[in-house]
Amino acid sequence: MKNLLLLNTSIIVKKNIFLKDPIRLEYGKDRIASYKKGFEALNKVGIFDNFDSIHLLDNTVNKESSLPKKITNLLPKNTKYFCNKNNELGRKNKGAGMLQGLQNHSENITNFDKVFYFEPRLVINDSNFTCTFLSSTKNYFSMESSKRVKTGYFGSKSIDLIEFLESISAVALVEENLHIELLMYDFYKEKETEFVNNNISIWKNYLTGIYEAY
């Protein structure tokens, strides 16, 4: 059984000078600081030790060397980086950016039995959710509401994740204003999935500067 920790990031985002982003975003140094706090928390709970491989996907730079050293120094030396500066969809619909990155990485995902997906702008509190998923035969999601899953973190069997990635277009999320939290719930409720009501992390509401449970 091979387990993959998939870290999805958009670390280097500069504010548009002439155009206003259609969704609220955090930019520049503040964004990098948020990621640094998230990676420090991953180290603190010892999550890296639970996985055979760690992949970091970033859609804001073209190569690993363009990522801040203060970030990459917090990751294990065997981490594999997959960088592709292609965040156009993500600036319009965060779910579309996430979906596009995973679809581009799907061939690598097939090499593993299980995937734990995590967005490191979140500050994880403990690794219990992750360990429970890895020891289970089910997919694991935390609920945002009655029909919406949290997509900042989840555990999935690779075969199910690949099937989901093949079921929807990232462009359609933008053009039809679809919500990936709803799409993933509708898909995974038909699979062998455990839906729980957990908050395993906090996230920075960058409009208020306050960290909230997630």
Protein backbone atom coordinates (compact mmCIF):
# COMPACT_ATOMS: atom_id res chain seq x y z
CA MET A 1 0.00 0.00 0.00
CA LYS A 2 1.65 3.23 -1.19
CA ASN A 3 0.46 6.52 0.27
CA LEU A 4 0.94 9.98 -1.22
CA LEU A 5 0.79 13.34 0.54
CA LEU A 6 -0.27 15.85 -2.09
CA LEU A 7 0.36 19.49 -1.16
CA ASN A 8 -1.37 21.94 -3.46
CA THR A 9 -0.09 25.52 -3.41
CA SER A 10 -0.35 28.88 -5.17
CA ILE A 11 2.44 30.64 -3.34
CA ILE A 12 3.53 33.55 -5.52
CA VAL A 13 0.50 35.69 -6.33
CA LYS A 14 0.98 39.37 -7.14
CA LYS A 15 -1.85 41.85 -7.17
CA ASN A 16 -3.00 42.89 -10.61
CA ILE A 17 -2.25 46.54 -11.26
CA PHE A 18 -4.86 47.23 -13.90
CA LEU A 19 -7.44 44.46 -13.42
CA LYS A 20 -9.34 43.54 -10.28
CA ASP A 21 -9.44 39.83 -9.47
CA PRO A 22 -13.02 38.49 -9.57
CA ILE A 23 -12.49 36.64 -6.28
CA ARG A 24 -10.84 37.73 -3.05
CA LEU A 25 -7.17 36.78 -2.83
CA GLU A 26 -4.23 37.27 -0.50
CA TYR A 27 -1.11 38.61 -2.19
CA GLY A 28 2.65 38.97 -1.92
CA LYS A 29 4.48 38.75 1.40
CA ASP A 30 1.31 38.17 3.39
CA ARG A 31 0.49 35.13 1.28
CA ILE A 32 4.01 33.70 1.66
CA ALA A 33 3.82 34.23 5.43
CA SER A 34 0.52 32.31 5.55
CA TYR A 35 2.10 29.39 3.72
CA LYS A 36 5.14 29.43 5.98
CA LYS A 37 2.91 29.12 9.03
CA GLY A 38 1.06 26.24 7.39
CA PHE A 39 4.22 24.30 6.56
CA GLU A 40 5.58 24.85 10.07
CA ALA A 41 2.40 23.30 11.45
CA LEU A 42 2.75 20.24 9.18
CA ASN A 43 6.22 19.71 10.61
CA LYS A 44 5.00 20.16 14.16
CA VAL A 45 2.40 17.37 13.91
CA GLY A 46 4.89 15.05 12.17
CA ILE A 47 2.64 14.42 9.20
CA PHE A 48 5.44 13.81 6.70
CA ASP A 49 6.45 10.57 8.43
CA ASN A 50 3.13 8.94 7.50
CA PHE A 51 3.69 8.91 3.74
CA ASP A 52 5.81 7.08 1.19
CA SER A 53 6.04 10.15 -1.06
CA ILE A 54 5.37 13.89 -0.86
CA HIS A 55 4.47 15.89 -3.94
CA LEU A 56 4.11 19.66 -3.97
CA LEU A 57 2.12 21.17 -6.83
CA ASP A 58 2.41 24.91 -7.41
CA ASN A 59 0.71 26.79 -10.24
CA THR A 60 2.37 30.18 -9.78
CA VAL A 61 6.00 29.42 -10.73
CA ASN A 62 7.69 27.34 -13.43
CA LYS A 63 10.46 25.79 -11.34
CA GLU A 64 11.29 24.78 -7.77
CA SER A 65 14.09 27.35 -7.47
CA SER A 66 11.51 30.16 -7.85
CA LEU A 67 9.78 29.13 -4.63
CA PRO A 68 10.89 30.92 -1.42
CA LYS A 69 13.65 29.07 0.42
CA LYS A 70 11.86 29.81 3.68
CA ILE A 71 9.13 27.48 2.35
CA THR A 72 11.12 24.70 0.67
CA ASN A 73 13.47 24.43 3.67
CA LEU A 74 10.47 23.29 5.72
CA LEU A 75 9.83 20.29 3.49
CA PRO A 76 11.60 16.90 3.56
CA LYS A 77 14.55 16.64 1.18
CA ASN A 78 12.85 13.86 -0.80
CA THR A 79 9.87 16.08 -1.68
CA LYS A 80 9.11 16.15 -5.41
CA TYR A 81 8.12 19.50 -6.90
CA PHE A 82 5.77 19.92 -9.83
CA CYS A 83 5.66 23.57 -10.83
CA ASN A 84 3.66 25.03 -13.69
CA LYS A 85 2.87 28.74 -13.89
CA ASN A 86 -0.74 28.46 -14.93
CA ASN A 87 -3.09 30.10 -12.44
CA GLU A 88 -5.49 31.85 -14.80
CA LEU A 89 -8.46 29.66 -13.89
CA GLY A 90 -7.59 29.71 -10.19
CA ARG A 91 -7.78 33.50 -10.10
CA LYS A 92 -11.38 33.24 -11.33
CA ASN A 93 -12.57 30.18 -9.42
CA LYS A 94 -10.44 28.59 -6.69
CA GLY A 95 -12.00 25.18 -7.27
CA ALA A 96 -11.13 25.35 -10.96
CA GLY A 97 -7.50 26.06 -10.13
CA MET A 98 -7.42 23.13 -7.74
CA LEU A 99 -9.10 20.82 -10.25
CA GLN A 100 -6.79 21.82 -13.10
CA GLY A 101 -3.69 21.16 -11.00
CA LEU A 102 -4.92 17.72 -9.96
CA GLN A 103 -5.92 16.81 -13.50
CA ASN A 104 -2.46 17.73 -14.76
CA HIS A 105 -0.99 15.50 -12.04
CA SER A 106 -3.33 12.53 -12.49
CA GLU A 107 -0.74 10.28 -14.14
CA ASN A 108 1.45 10.55 -11.03
CA ILE A 109 -1.50 9.91 -8.71
CA THR A 110 -2.12 6.54 -10.35
CA ASN A 111 1.20 5.29 -8.94
CA PHE A 112 -0.27 5.32 -5.42
CA ASP A 113 -3.07 3.53 -3.59
CA LYS A 114 -4.14 6.42 -1.37
CA VAL A 115 -3.82 10.20 -1.51
CA PHE A 116 -4.15 12.71 1.27
CA TYR A 117 -4.72 16.14 -0.22
CA PHE A 118 -3.84 19.25 1.80
CA GLU A 119 -3.60 22.97 1.08
CA PRO A 120 -0.78 24.28 3.29
CA ARG A 121 -2.24 27.75 3.76
CA LEU A 122 -4.27 25.89 6.36
CA VAL A 123 -2.64 25.48 9.76
CA ILE A 124 -3.17 21.87 10.80
CA ASN A 125 -3.80 21.10 14.50
CA ASP A 126 -3.04 17.37 14.61
CA SER A 127 -2.64 14.35 12.33
CA ASN A 128 -5.49 12.21 13.72
CA PHE A 129 -7.73 12.72 10.68
CA THR A 130 -4.88 11.73 8.39
CA CYS A 131 -3.95 8.64 10.39
CA THR A 132 -7.57 7.50 10.58
CA PHE A 133 -7.87 7.78 6.80
CA LEU A 134 -4.64 5.86 6.19
CA SER A 135 -5.74 3.00 8.43
CA SER A 136 -9.22 2.84 6.91
CA THR A 137 -10.59 1.35 3.69
CA LYS A 138 -12.76 4.42 3.06
CA ASN A 139 -12.35 7.88 1.60
CA TYR A 140 -12.43 10.61 4.25
CA PHE A 141 -14.01 14.06 4.02
CA SER A 142 -14.98 16.69 6.56
CA MET A 143 -18.28 18.44 5.91
CA GLU A 144 -18.57 22.19 5.35
CA SER A 145 -22.38 22.01 5.37
CA SER A 146 -25.03 19.38 4.73
CA LYS A 147 -24.13 18.93 1.04
CA ARG A 148 -20.70 20.54 0.78
CA VAL A 149 -17.38 18.94 1.70
CA LYS A 150 -14.28 20.81 2.75
CA THR A 151 -11.84 20.69 -0.14
CA GLY A 152 -8.85 22.17 1.68
CA TYR A 153 -8.07 18.65 2.88
CA PHE A 154 -9.42 15.17 2.26
CA GLY A 155 -8.31 11.56 1.90
CA SER A 156 -9.19 9.53 -1.17
CA LYS A 157 -8.41 6.22 -2.74
CA SER A 158 -6.47 7.06 -5.89
CA ILE A 159 -8.86 5.16 -8.14
CA ASP A 160 -11.79 7.27 -6.92
CA LEU A 161 -9.91 10.55 -7.17
CA ILE A 162 -8.88 9.80 -10.76
CA GLU A 163 -12.47 8.96 -11.66
CA PHE A 164 -13.64 12.27 -10.19
CA LEU A 165 -10.96 14.22 -12.05
CA GLU A 166 -12.12 12.68 -15.31
CA SER A 167 -15.77 13.54 -14.62
CA ILE A 168 -15.65 17.35 -14.81
CA SER A 169 -13.95 20.13 -16.74
CA ALA A 170 -12.02 22.85 -14.91
CA VAL A 171 -13.15 25.36 -17.54
CA ALA A 172 -16.78 24.39 -16.85
CA LEU A 173 -16.37 25.37 -13.19
CA VAL A 174 -15.52 28.91 -14.31
CA GLU A 175 -18.00 29.23 -17.15
CA GLU A 176 -20.91 27.75 -15.19
CA ASN A 177 -19.85 29.12 -11.79
CA LEU A 178 -19.82 25.65 -10.26
CA HIS A 179 -18.68 24.86 -6.72
CA ILE A 180 -16.20 22.04 -6.31
CA GLU A 181 -17.37 21.45 -2.71
CA LEU A 182 -20.79 20.42 -4.05
CA LEU A 183 -19.40 18.42 -6.96
CA MET A 184 -17.10 16.38 -4.74
CA TYR A 185 -19.87 15.64 -2.26
CA ASP A 186 -22.22 14.46 -5.01
CA PHE A 187 -19.49 12.22 -6.45
CA TYR A 188 -18.10 10.74 -3.24
CA LYS A 189 -21.48 10.03 -1.60
CA GLU A 190 -21.79 7.26 -4.20
CA LYS A 191 -18.41 5.83 -3.15
CA GLU A 192 -17.21 4.15 0.03
CA THR A 193 -16.73 7.38 1.95
CA GLU A 194 -16.79 8.51 5.57
CA PHE A 195 -18.18 12.03 6.03
CA VAL A 196 -17.31 13.58 9.39
CA ASN A 197 -17.80 16.93 11.08
CA ASN A 198 -14.25 17.77 12.07
CA ASN A 199 -12.12 20.90 12.18
CA ILE A 200 -8.52 19.74 11.86
CA SER A 201 -7.05 23.14 11.08
CA ILE A 202 -7.45 26.90 11.12
CA TRP A 203 -7.29 29.28 8.18
CA LYS A 204 -6.56 32.98 7.96
CA ASN A 205 -9.50 35.08 6.91
CA TYR A 206 -7.33 37.66 5.16
CA LEU A 207 -10.19 40.18 5.04
CA THR A 208 -10.23 40.34 8.85
CA GLY A 209 -6.77 38.93 9.63
CA ILE A 210 -8.40 36.48 12.07
CA TYR A 211 -7.79 32.72 12.03
CA GLU A 212 -10.96 30.62 11.95
CA ALA A 213 -11.62 26.90 12.46
CA TYR A 214 -11.69 24.72 9.36
